[in-house]
């Protein structure tokens, strides 16, 4: 509940920078004003129009130790003036900001981003295909900085990449003589394979809203970073919610801060989807009510807070209060849904999961017994790979001068080595990913996609409205 404002007896002024200040207006009733050189993320109170559209409170603004409500907004002499009144008793906070240097710096950073976006807007048709070729994290960072949508960049980049390869193939076919046409026909399968990654990225962006760069560019960036040719820039306070970042944040336990009134403030770097005022959390034999707090913007990062209040009778004086939910309560909730998705997939495609990365296999089978739960599927796929290698070896040495013989021999050798390595790993009680995992569509599988996309989209919506 809101607390009535008790402004000091003498007027006070908060001057943050040129054109950014707030001051108390004496009077009865006491009020306050905020003057800014531009619009602030403050919402004025909306009065009631009729029974179907009740009044909606304005933003709660903290000035010193007093809380005010924004009741009006006017433009005067190139500045924006916000009129405030003491917060009404009994009114519930919807949005709350603390006016000060941190708040103004965040607003000025947003204005600077808007000016940058306006400058680059005429060049977006060039930026989309270029940015879309970069690795996911670089792509997300540049997209946020330049004001473009990373999924659209991936889509445009994939289509442009595929079109250029097809155009190059058609051009070679048009200008080549007969002798070169034979060489072109031999090279055509390889060129067509170059088209598939671009079309795959475009398909994932359009239908699944996946973000990803060109494999060639990603490999080049990795090599240059390994050689030290590309020095990693100092990390700023913006950490895009990429797939790896999502799983890292989910693994971090939430911070629980007890309050004197018996409630607990839960803080996290990940939005807790579904945790609204209607949500009740069970902890042992007790239940807790969730009260979402307005997200706090810390530079270009967001901190999410939720007030947890115990339900039921208060404890006796001197008796310990109810134990709050575990710091991993939300992570356990999300992972429960992820495991259900993996169970549904593995009911018919455990053989596919057995070839994926060990990290993905851990999420899929850790609750089912770990590597032992996937041992049968691992042995089956390893034996199938070995049989395929033996079948390919039956075609060797082939006719004299056969250009495919070295390729078939190398593929057979890799399949045999992969099968032996996987069988050894599974007999040792470990997960045994296959070399083929590099070409398997692991990121578009529902268990790896649904939870990540839901949290990524929630943070993008919050960032887009400038919260």
Protein backbone atom coordinates (compact mmCIF):
# COMPACT_ATOMS: atom_id res chain seq x y z
CA UNK A 1 0.00 0.00 0.00
CA UNK A 2 1.11 3.51 -0.63
CA UNK A 3 2.26 5.67 2.25
CA UNK A 4 1.09 9.25 2.46
CA UNK A 5 3.76 11.79 1.60
CA UNK A 6 5.22 13.86 4.42
CA UNK A 7 7.28 16.55 2.76
CA UNK A 8 9.67 18.57 4.87
CA UNK A 9 8.57 21.91 6.26
CA UNK A 10 11.07 23.89 4.15
CA UNK A 11 11.04 23.63 0.33
CA UNK A 12 13.75 21.42 -1.16
CA UNK A 13 15.28 21.14 -4.59
CA UNK A 14 16.92 18.24 -6.42
CA UNK A 15 19.10 19.45 -9.27
CA UNK A 16 20.70 16.59 -11.20
CA UNK A 17 22.08 18.36 -14.27
CA UNK A 18 21.31 21.25 -16.61
CA UNK A 19 17.63 21.12 -17.45
CA UNK A 20 16.96 18.23 -15.07
CA UNK A 21 15.64 19.14 -11.63
CA UNK A 22 12.77 18.69 -9.20
CA UNK A 23 11.55 20.91 -6.38
CA UNK A 24 8.83 21.05 -3.77
CA UNK A 25 6.06 23.58 -4.13
CA UNK A 26 4.93 24.90 -0.76
CA UNK A 27 1.54 25.22 0.00
CA UNK A 28 -1.53 23.94 0.99
CA UNK A 29 -1.63 21.27 -0.17
CA UNK A 30 2.12 20.75 -0.63
CA UNK A 31 3.08 19.54 -4.08
CA UNK A 32 6.14 19.08 -6.27
CA UNK A 33 7.28 19.63 -9.85
CA UNK A 34 9.82 17.96 -12.11
CA UNK A 35 11.30 19.91 -15.01
CA UNK A 36 13.13 18.00 -17.74
CA UNK A 37 14.64 18.84 -21.11
CA UNK A 38 12.68 15.97 -22.65
CA UNK A 39 10.00 13.42 -21.93
CA UNK A 40 10.49 11.12 -18.94
CA UNK A 41 9.05 7.61 -18.49
CA UNK A 42 6.42 8.99 -16.12
CA UNK A 43 2.68 8.43 -16.57
CA UNK A 44 0.16 11.03 -15.40
CA UNK A 45 -2.94 9.97 -13.49
CA UNK A 46 -5.87 9.03 -15.69
CA UNK A 47 -9.20 10.17 -14.22
CA UNK A 48 -12.27 7.98 -14.13
CA UNK A 49 -14.55 8.45 -17.15
CA UNK A 50 -17.32 5.98 -16.33
CA UNK A 51 -17.86 2.72 -14.45
CA UNK A 52 -16.17 0.67 -17.20
CA UNK A 53 -13.06 2.88 -17.17
CA UNK A 54 -12.02 3.67 -13.60
CA UNK A 55 -9.24 5.99 -12.60
CA UNK A 56 -5.69 4.72 -13.09
CA UNK A 57 -3.00 6.07 -10.72
CA UNK A 58 0.02 7.88 -12.06
CA UNK A 59 3.63 6.92 -11.54
CA UNK A 60 4.84 7.02 -7.94
CA UNK A 61 7.90 9.28 -7.69
CA UNK A 62 10.15 9.25 -4.62
CA UNK A 63 11.69 12.64 -3.78
CA UNK A 64 13.87 12.37 -0.71
CA UNK A 65 11.72 10.47 1.79
CA UNK A 66 8.37 11.54 0.35
CA UNK A 67 6.29 9.76 -2.29
CA UNK A 68 4.35 11.74 -4.89
CA UNK A 69 1.99 10.88 -7.73
CA UNK A 70 2.27 12.33 -11.23
CA UNK A 71 -1.02 14.09 -11.97
CA UNK A 72 -0.18 16.26 -14.98
CA UNK A 73 2.27 16.83 -17.83
CA UNK A 74 2.84 20.10 -19.73
CA UNK A 75 5.33 21.40 -22.27
CA UNK A 76 6.69 24.87 -21.53
CA UNK A 77 9.58 26.72 -23.21
CA UNK A 78 11.05 23.60 -24.79
CA UNK A 79 10.93 21.67 -21.50
CA UNK A 80 8.52 19.14 -20.05
CA UNK A 81 6.95 19.94 -16.68
CA UNK A 82 5.45 17.18 -14.52
CA UNK A 83 3.06 18.19 -11.73
CA UNK A 84 3.02 15.98 -8.64
CA UNK A 85 0.87 15.67 -5.53
CA UNK A 86 1.40 13.67 -2.32
CA UNK A 87 0.62 10.01 -2.80
CA UNK A 88 -2.96 9.26 -1.69
CA UNK A 89 -3.33 7.06 1.37
CA UNK A 90 -4.54 3.57 0.56
CA UNK A 91 -3.56 3.75 -3.14
CA UNK A 92 -1.56 0.85 -4.52
CA UNK A 93 1.74 1.53 -6.31
CA UNK A 94 1.65 0.49 -9.97
CA UNK A 95 4.91 2.09 -11.13
CA UNK A 96 7.52 3.53 -8.80
CA UNK A 97 10.71 5.46 -9.59
CA UNK A 98 13.27 7.16 -7.39
CA UNK A 99 14.17 10.55 -8.84
CA UNK A 100 17.90 11.09 -8.73
CA UNK A 101 21.14 10.86 -10.73
CA UNK A 102 20.71 7.15 -11.52
CA UNK A 103 17.20 7.70 -12.92
CA UNK A 104 18.25 10.71 -15.01
CA UNK A 105 21.34 8.92 -16.36
CA UNK A 106 19.15 6.03 -17.48
CA UNK A 107 16.78 8.43 -19.25
CA UNK A 108 19.63 10.31 -20.92
CA UNK A 109 21.12 7.01 -22.11
CA UNK A 110 17.75 6.16 -23.66
CA UNK A 111 17.61 9.54 -25.40
CA UNK A 112 21.12 9.01 -26.73
CA UNK A 113 20.06 5.62 -28.10
CA UNK A 114 17.06 7.22 -29.80
CA UNK A 115 19.30 9.79 -31.49
CA UNK A 116 21.67 7.03 -32.62
CA UNK A 117 18.77 4.97 -33.97
CA UNK A 118 17.52 7.98 -35.91
CA UNK A 119 20.94 8.46 -37.53
CA UNK A 120 21.28 4.85 -38.65
CA UNK A 121 17.64 4.38 -39.71
CA UNK A 122 18.28 5.34 -43.38
CA UNK A 123 21.00 2.65 -43.58
CA UNK A 124 19.05 -0.26 -42.15
CA UNK A 125 18.79 -1.98 -45.54
CA UNK A 126 22.60 -2.41 -45.40
CA UNK A 127 22.82 -3.18 -41.70
CA UNK A 128 20.35 -6.08 -41.65
CA UNK A 129 22.33 -8.49 -43.89
CA UNK A 130 25.68 -7.52 -42.33
CA UNK A 131 24.66 -7.72 -38.67
CA UNK A 132 22.72 -10.94 -39.31
CA UNK A 133 25.94 -12.79 -40.23
CA UNK A 134 27.56 -12.25 -36.80
CA UNK A 135 27.52 -14.66 -33.84
CA UNK A 136 24.42 -14.46 -31.65
CA UNK A 137 25.82 -12.34 -28.82
CA UNK A 138 27.50 -9.82 -31.12
CA UNK A 139 24.35 -9.71 -33.21
CA UNK A 140 22.17 -8.99 -30.17
CA UNK A 141 24.52 -6.28 -28.91
CA UNK A 142 24.72 -4.51 -32.25
CA UNK A 143 20.99 -4.85 -32.84
CA UNK A 144 20.26 -3.18 -29.51
CA UNK A 145 22.78 -0.43 -30.20
CA UNK A 146 21.60 0.25 -33.75
CA UNK A 147 17.88 -0.14 -33.10
CA UNK A 148 17.22 -3.11 -35.37
CA UNK A 149 15.52 -6.45 -34.67
CA UNK A 150 18.02 -9.31 -34.51
CA UNK A 151 15.52 -11.92 -35.77
CA UNK A 152 14.85 -9.79 -38.86
CA UNK A 153 18.61 -9.39 -39.35
CA UNK A 154 19.04 -13.19 -39.30
CA UNK A 155 16.18 -13.62 -41.77
CA UNK A 156 17.49 -11.03 -44.23
CA UNK A 157 21.07 -12.26 -43.90
CA UNK A 158 20.10 -15.88 -44.57
CA UNK A 159 18.08 -14.97 -47.65
CA UNK A 160 20.80 -12.68 -49.05
CA UNK A 161 23.48 -15.31 -48.43
CA UNK A 162 21.49 -17.99 -50.25
CA UNK A 163 20.59 -15.65 -53.12
CA UNK A 164 24.23 -14.65 -53.67
CA UNK A 165 25.38 -18.27 -53.82
CA UNK A 166 22.63 -19.17 -56.29
CA UNK A 167 23.39 -16.09 -58.40
CA UNK A 168 27.08 -17.00 -58.43
CA UNK A 169 26.24 -20.54 -59.51
CA UNK A 170 24.00 -19.27 -62.33
CA UNK A 171 26.68 -16.79 -63.47
CA UNK A 172 29.35 -19.47 -63.67
CA UNK A 173 27.02 -21.69 -65.63
CA UNK A 174 26.26 -18.91 -68.11
CA UNK A 175 29.85 -17.91 -68.87
CA UNK A 176 31.61 -21.28 -68.60
CA UNK A 177 32.64 -23.20 -71.69
CA UNK A 178 32.07 -26.92 -72.07
CA UNK A 179 35.17 -27.99 -70.20
CA UNK A 180 34.44 -25.69 -67.32
CA UNK A 181 30.83 -26.80 -67.28
CA UNK A 182 31.97 -30.30 -66.34
CA UNK A 183 33.98 -28.88 -63.43
CA UNK A 184 30.98 -26.79 -62.48
CA UNK A 185 28.75 -29.84 -62.39
CA UNK A 186 31.21 -31.54 -60.07
CA UNK A 187 31.31 -28.46 -57.82
CA UNK A 188 27.54 -27.93 -57.89
CA UNK A 189 26.78 -30.20 -54.90
CA UNK A 190 29.25 -28.26 -52.79
CA UNK A 191 27.78 -24.93 -53.85
CA UNK A 192 24.28 -26.16 -53.11
CA UNK A 193 25.44 -27.17 -49.63
CA UNK A 194 26.51 -23.55 -49.13
CA UNK A 195 22.91 -22.49 -49.81
CA UNK A 196 21.41 -24.72 -47.16
CA UNK A 197 22.80 -22.92 -44.05
CA UNK A 198 21.42 -19.60 -45.26
CA UNK A 199 18.01 -21.07 -46.01
CA UNK A 200 18.07 -22.86 -42.66
CA UNK A 201 18.79 -19.63 -40.78
CA UNK A 202 16.03 -17.83 -42.71
CA UNK A 203 13.58 -20.65 -41.93
CA UNK A 204 14.47 -20.58 -38.22
CA UNK A 205 14.10 -16.80 -38.05
CA UNK A 206 10.79 -16.65 -39.92
CA UNK A 207 8.99 -19.61 -38.35
CA UNK A 208 10.76 -20.05 -34.98
CA UNK A 209 12.13 -16.53 -34.25
CA UNK A 210 15.64 -17.92 -33.88
CA UNK A 211 18.72 -15.70 -34.01
CA UNK A 212 21.98 -17.02 -35.47
CA UNK A 213 24.90 -16.01 -37.63
CA UNK A 214 26.54 -17.44 -40.71
CA UNK A 215 28.68 -20.52 -39.91
CA UNK A 216 31.52 -19.16 -42.04
CA UNK A 217 31.53 -15.80 -40.23
CA UNK A 218 31.21 -17.47 -36.81
CA UNK A 219 34.17 -19.73 -37.57
CA UNK A 220 36.21 -16.76 -38.80
CA UNK A 221 35.42 -14.74 -35.65
CA UNK A 222 36.38 -17.69 -33.43
CA UNK A 223 39.68 -18.17 -35.26
CA UNK A 224 40.53 -14.47 -35.10
CA UNK A 225 39.74 -14.32 -31.39
CA UNK A 226 41.81 -17.44 -30.74
CA UNK A 227 44.75 -15.89 -32.60
CA UNK A 228 44.34 -12.62 -30.69
CA UNK A 229 43.62 -10.63 -33.84
CA UNK A 230 40.27 -9.56 -32.38
CA UNK A 231 40.50 -8.35 -28.83
CA UNK A 232 37.31 -8.76 -26.89
CA UNK A 233 35.87 -5.37 -26.01
CA UNK A 234 35.39 -4.51 -22.38
CA UNK A 235 31.99 -5.67 -21.24
CA UNK A 236 29.50 -2.89 -20.65
CA UNK A 237 26.50 -3.19 -18.40
CA UNK A 238 24.37 -4.65 -21.21
CA UNK A 239 24.15 -8.41 -21.25
CA UNK A 240 21.82 -9.64 -24.00
CA UNK A 241 19.64 -12.59 -23.09
CA UNK A 242 21.17 -15.07 -25.51
CA UNK A 243 20.51 -18.78 -25.19
CA UNK A 244 23.66 -19.47 -23.15
CA UNK A 245 23.01 -16.40 -20.98
CA UNK A 246 19.46 -17.59 -20.27
CA UNK A 247 20.61 -20.97 -18.95
CA UNK A 248 23.36 -19.28 -16.92
CA UNK A 249 20.94 -16.86 -15.28
CA UNK A 250 18.44 -19.65 -14.63
CA UNK A 251 21.13 -21.59 -12.76
CA UNK A 252 21.79 -18.62 -10.42
CA UNK A 253 19.71 -18.80 -7.21
CA UNK A 254 17.52 -15.81 -6.46
CA UNK A 255 18.45 -13.44 -3.63
CA UNK A 256 16.02 -13.52 -0.68
CA UNK A 257 16.03 -10.41 1.56
CA UNK A 258 13.88 -10.71 4.73
CA UNK A 259 11.91 -7.65 5.84
CA UNK A 260 10.85 -6.65 9.38
CA UNK A 261 7.17 -7.14 8.54
CA UNK A 262 7.76 -10.85 7.85
CA UNK A 263 7.72 -10.56 4.06
CA UNK A 264 10.65 -11.46 1.83
CA UNK A 265 11.96 -9.47 -1.13
CA UNK A 266 13.11 -11.78 -3.93
CA UNK A 267 15.51 -10.29 -6.47
CA UNK A 268 16.59 -11.88 -9.75
CA UNK A 269 18.13 -11.03 -13.11
CA UNK A 270 15.50 -13.11 -14.89
CA UNK A 271 11.81 -12.18 -15.20
CA UNK A 272 9.58 -14.65 -13.37
CA UNK A 273 6.82 -15.36 -15.87
CA UNK A 274 3.46 -16.12 -14.30
CA UNK A 275 4.39 -14.65 -10.93
CA UNK A 276 1.55 -12.15 -10.60
CA UNK A 277 -0.70 -11.17 -7.69
CA UNK A 278 -2.88 -14.21 -8.22
CA UNK A 279 0.07 -16.56 -7.72
CA UNK A 280 0.51 -18.55 -4.51
CA UNK A 281 3.80 -20.28 -3.72
CA UNK A 282 3.96 -23.37 -1.54
CA UNK A 283 6.88 -23.76 0.88
CA UNK A 284 6.51 -26.76 3.14
CA UNK A 285 3.07 -26.45 4.74
CA UNK A 286 2.88 -22.69 4.20
CA UNK A 287 1.76 -20.52 1.30
CA UNK A 288 3.13 -17.18 0.14
CA UNK A 289 1.48 -14.49 -1.97
CA UNK A 290 3.50 -12.94 -4.79
CA UNK A 291 3.49 -9.15 -5.27
CA UNK A 292 5.48 -8.17 -8.39
CA UNK A 293 7.51 -4.99 -8.00
CA UNK A 294 8.30 -2.61 -10.89
CA UNK A 295 11.51 -3.71 -12.67
CA UNK A 296 14.52 -1.57 -11.82
CA UNK A 297 16.72 -0.41 -14.67
CA UNK A 298 20.39 -0.44 -13.69
CA UNK A 299 22.07 1.19 -16.65
CA UNK A 300 21.20 -1.13 -19.52
CA UNK A 301 20.36 -4.06 -17.28
CA UNK A 302 17.13 -4.94 -15.49
CA UNK A 303 16.68 -6.20 -11.95
CA UNK A 304 13.40 -7.98 -11.21
CA UNK A 305 11.91 -7.95 -7.71
CA UNK A 306 8.99 -9.80 -6.15
CA UNK A 307 7.62 -9.26 -2.65
CA UNK A 308 6.58 -12.55 -1.02
CA UNK A 309 4.09 -12.28 1.85
CA UNK A 310 3.16 -15.23 4.07
CA UNK A 311 -0.49 -16.23 4.13
CA UNK A 312 -2.27 -17.47 7.22
CA UNK A 313 -2.12 -16.49 10.86
CA UNK A 314 1.00 -14.64 12.06
CA UNK A 315 3.32 -16.64 14.34
CA UNK A 316 3.23 -16.29 18.10
CA UNK A 317 5.55 -13.66 19.61
CA UNK A 318 9.05 -15.09 19.76
CA UNK A 319 8.20 -18.02 17.52
CA UNK A 320 10.03 -18.40 14.18
CA UNK A 321 8.13 -17.38 11.09
CA UNK A 322 7.36 -19.64 8.16
CA UNK A 323 10.26 -20.70 5.97
CA UNK A 324 10.23 -18.82 2.65
CA UNK A 325 10.34 -20.58 -0.73
CA UNK A 326 13.73 -21.84 -1.85
CA UNK A 327 15.97 -19.48 -3.85
CA UNK A 328 15.65 -21.93 -6.73
CA UNK A 329 11.84 -22.09 -6.64
CA UNK A 330 11.39 -20.38 -10.00
CA UNK A 331 14.26 -22.25 -11.65
CA UNK A 332 12.76 -25.53 -10.45
CA UNK A 333 9.41 -24.46 -11.92
CA UNK A 334 10.93 -23.63 -15.31
CA UNK A 335 13.07 -26.77 -15.38
CA UNK A 336 9.99 -28.84 -14.57
CA UNK A 337 8.39 -27.61 -17.79
CA UNK A 338 11.62 -28.16 -19.74
CA UNK A 339 11.89 -31.73 -18.48
CA UNK A 340 8.28 -32.44 -19.45
CA UNK A 341 9.10 -31.26 -22.98
CA UNK A 342 12.19 -33.47 -23.08
CA UNK A 343 10.21 -36.47 -21.86
CA UNK A 344 7.64 -35.96 -24.62
CA UNK A 345 10.40 -35.72 -27.25
CA UNK A 346 12.40 -38.66 -25.92
CA UNK A 347 9.38 -40.94 -26.00
CA UNK A 348 10.12 -41.40 -29.70
CA UNK A 349 13.38 -39.60 -30.42
CA UNK A 350 15.76 -40.59 -27.63
CA UNK A 351 18.19 -41.68 -30.35
CA UNK A 352 18.38 -38.06 -31.54
CA UNK A 353 18.94 -36.67 -28.04
CA UNK A 354 21.70 -39.23 -27.43
CA UNK A 355 23.83 -37.54 -30.11
CA UNK A 356 23.47 -33.95 -28.79
CA UNK A 357 25.81 -32.00 -26.52
CA UNK A 358 26.37 -33.35 -23.02
CA UNK A 359 24.78 -30.21 -21.54
CA UNK A 360 21.55 -30.80 -23.44
CA UNK A 361 21.56 -34.50 -22.58
CA UNK A 362 21.95 -33.56 -18.91
CA UNK A 363 18.81 -31.41 -19.06
CA UNK A 364 16.98 -34.20 -20.87
CA UNK A 365 17.99 -37.19 -18.73
CA UNK A 366 19.31 -35.99 -15.35
CA UNK A 367 15.87 -36.48 -13.77
CA UNK A 368 15.58 -39.94 -15.36
CA UNK A 369 18.81 -41.42 -14.03
CA UNK A 370 21.48 -39.57 -15.98
CA UNK A 371 23.68 -41.34 -18.58
CA UNK A 372 22.18 -44.72 -17.68
CA UNK A 373 18.79 -43.56 -19.01
CA UNK A 374 20.22 -42.92 -22.48
CA UNK A 375 22.71 -45.80 -22.66
CA UNK A 376 20.55 -47.99 -24.90
CA UNK A 377 19.95 -45.18 -27.41
CA UNK A 378 23.63 -44.25 -27.36
CA UNK A 379 24.75 -47.81 -28.09
CA UNK A 380 22.17 -48.13 -30.89
CA UNK A 381 23.26 -44.92 -32.66
CA UNK A 382 26.96 -45.72 -32.19
CA UNK A 383 26.54 -49.19 -33.69
CA UNK A 384 24.48 -47.70 -36.55
CA UNK A 385 27.30 -45.23 -37.24
CA UNK A 386 29.87 -48.03 -37.26
CA UNK A 387 27.76 -50.10 -39.67
CA UNK A 388 27.40 -47.09 -41.96
CA UNK A 389 31.17 -46.65 -41.93
CA UNK A 390 31.70 -50.33 -42.86
CA UNK A 391 29.18 -49.98 -45.67
CA UNK A 392 31.00 -46.94 -47.06
CA UNK A 393 34.34 -48.75 -46.85
CA UNK A 394 32.92 -51.51 -49.06
CA UNK A 395 33.01 -49.07 -51.99
CA UNK A 396 36.76 -48.48 -51.67
CA UNK A 397 39.19 -48.25 -53.33
CA UNK A 398 36.84 -47.42 -56.21
CA UNK A 399 37.82 -46.80 -59.85
CA UNK A 400 41.21 -45.21 -60.57
CA UNK A 401 41.15 -41.45 -60.14
CA UNK A 402 37.82 -41.45 -58.28
CA UNK A 403 37.63 -37.96 -56.65
CA UNK A 404 35.16 -39.18 -54.02
CA UNK A 405 37.36 -41.99 -52.69
CA UNK A 406 39.34 -39.76 -50.24
CA UNK A 407 36.11 -38.18 -48.98
CA UNK A 408 34.45 -41.57 -48.42
CA UNK A 409 37.58 -42.88 -46.66
CA UNK A 410 37.77 -39.86 -44.36
CA UNK A 411 34.05 -40.01 -43.54
CA UNK A 412 34.27 -43.73 -42.78
CA UNK A 413 37.27 -43.23 -40.51
CA UNK A 414 35.54 -40.41 -38.58
CA UNK A 415 32.38 -42.50 -38.14
CA UNK A 416 34.38 -45.45 -36.81
CA UNK A 417 36.35 -43.26 -34.39
CA UNK A 418 33.15 -41.54 -33.26
CA UNK A 419 31.41 -44.86 -32.63
CA UNK A 420 34.34 -46.19 -30.59
CA UNK A 421 34.64 -43.01 -28.55
CA UNK A 422 30.89 -42.97 -27.79
CA UNK A 423 30.80 -46.63 -26.76
CA UNK A 424 33.74 -46.10 -24.45
CA UNK A 425 32.10 -43.03 -22.87
CA UNK A 426 28.74 -44.70 -22.27
CA UNK A 427 30.38 -47.78 -20.72
CA UNK A 428 32.24 -45.40 -18.38
CA UNK A 429 28.91 -43.92 -17.25
CA UNK A 430 29.20 -40.60 -19.11
CA UNK A 431 27.11 -38.85 -21.73
CA UNK A 432 28.42 -39.60 -25.23
CA UNK A 433 27.63 -36.84 -27.75
CA UNK A 434 28.31 -37.56 -31.40
CA UNK A 435 30.42 -35.62 -33.88
CA UNK A 436 27.22 -35.28 -35.90
CA UNK A 437 25.81 -32.93 -33.24
CA UNK A 438 27.36 -30.04 -35.18
CA UNK A 439 24.79 -30.50 -37.98
CA UNK A 440 21.81 -31.53 -35.85
CA UNK A 441 19.10 -28.87 -35.24
CA UNK A 442 19.37 -28.93 -31.45
CA UNK A 443 18.46 -25.26 -30.90
CA UNK A 444 15.09 -25.51 -32.64
CA UNK A 445 13.88 -28.42 -30.50
CA UNK A 446 10.93 -27.43 -28.31
CA UNK A 447 12.62 -28.14 -24.95
CA UNK A 448 15.49 -25.80 -25.82
CA UNK A 449 13.33 -23.17 -27.46
CA UNK A 450 10.08 -22.52 -25.59
CA UNK A 451 11.33 -21.35 -22.18
CA UNK A 452 14.20 -19.36 -23.69
CA UNK A 453 11.99 -17.56 -26.19
CA UNK A 454 9.39 -16.69 -23.55
CA UNK A 455 11.96 -14.99 -21.28
CA UNK A 456 13.82 -13.37 -24.18
CA UNK A 457 10.60 -11.84 -25.54
CA UNK A 458 9.57 -10.61 -22.08
CA UNK A 459 12.85 -8.74 -21.64
CA UNK A 460 12.72 -7.38 -25.17
CA UNK A 461 9.23 -5.98 -24.57
CA UNK A 462 10.42 -4.32 -21.38
CA UNK A 463 13.44 -2.84 -23.13
CA UNK A 464 11.34 -1.58 -26.05
CA UNK A 465 9.01 0.46 -23.82
CA UNK A 466 11.96 2.02 -22.03
CA UNK A 467 11.00 0.81 -18.59
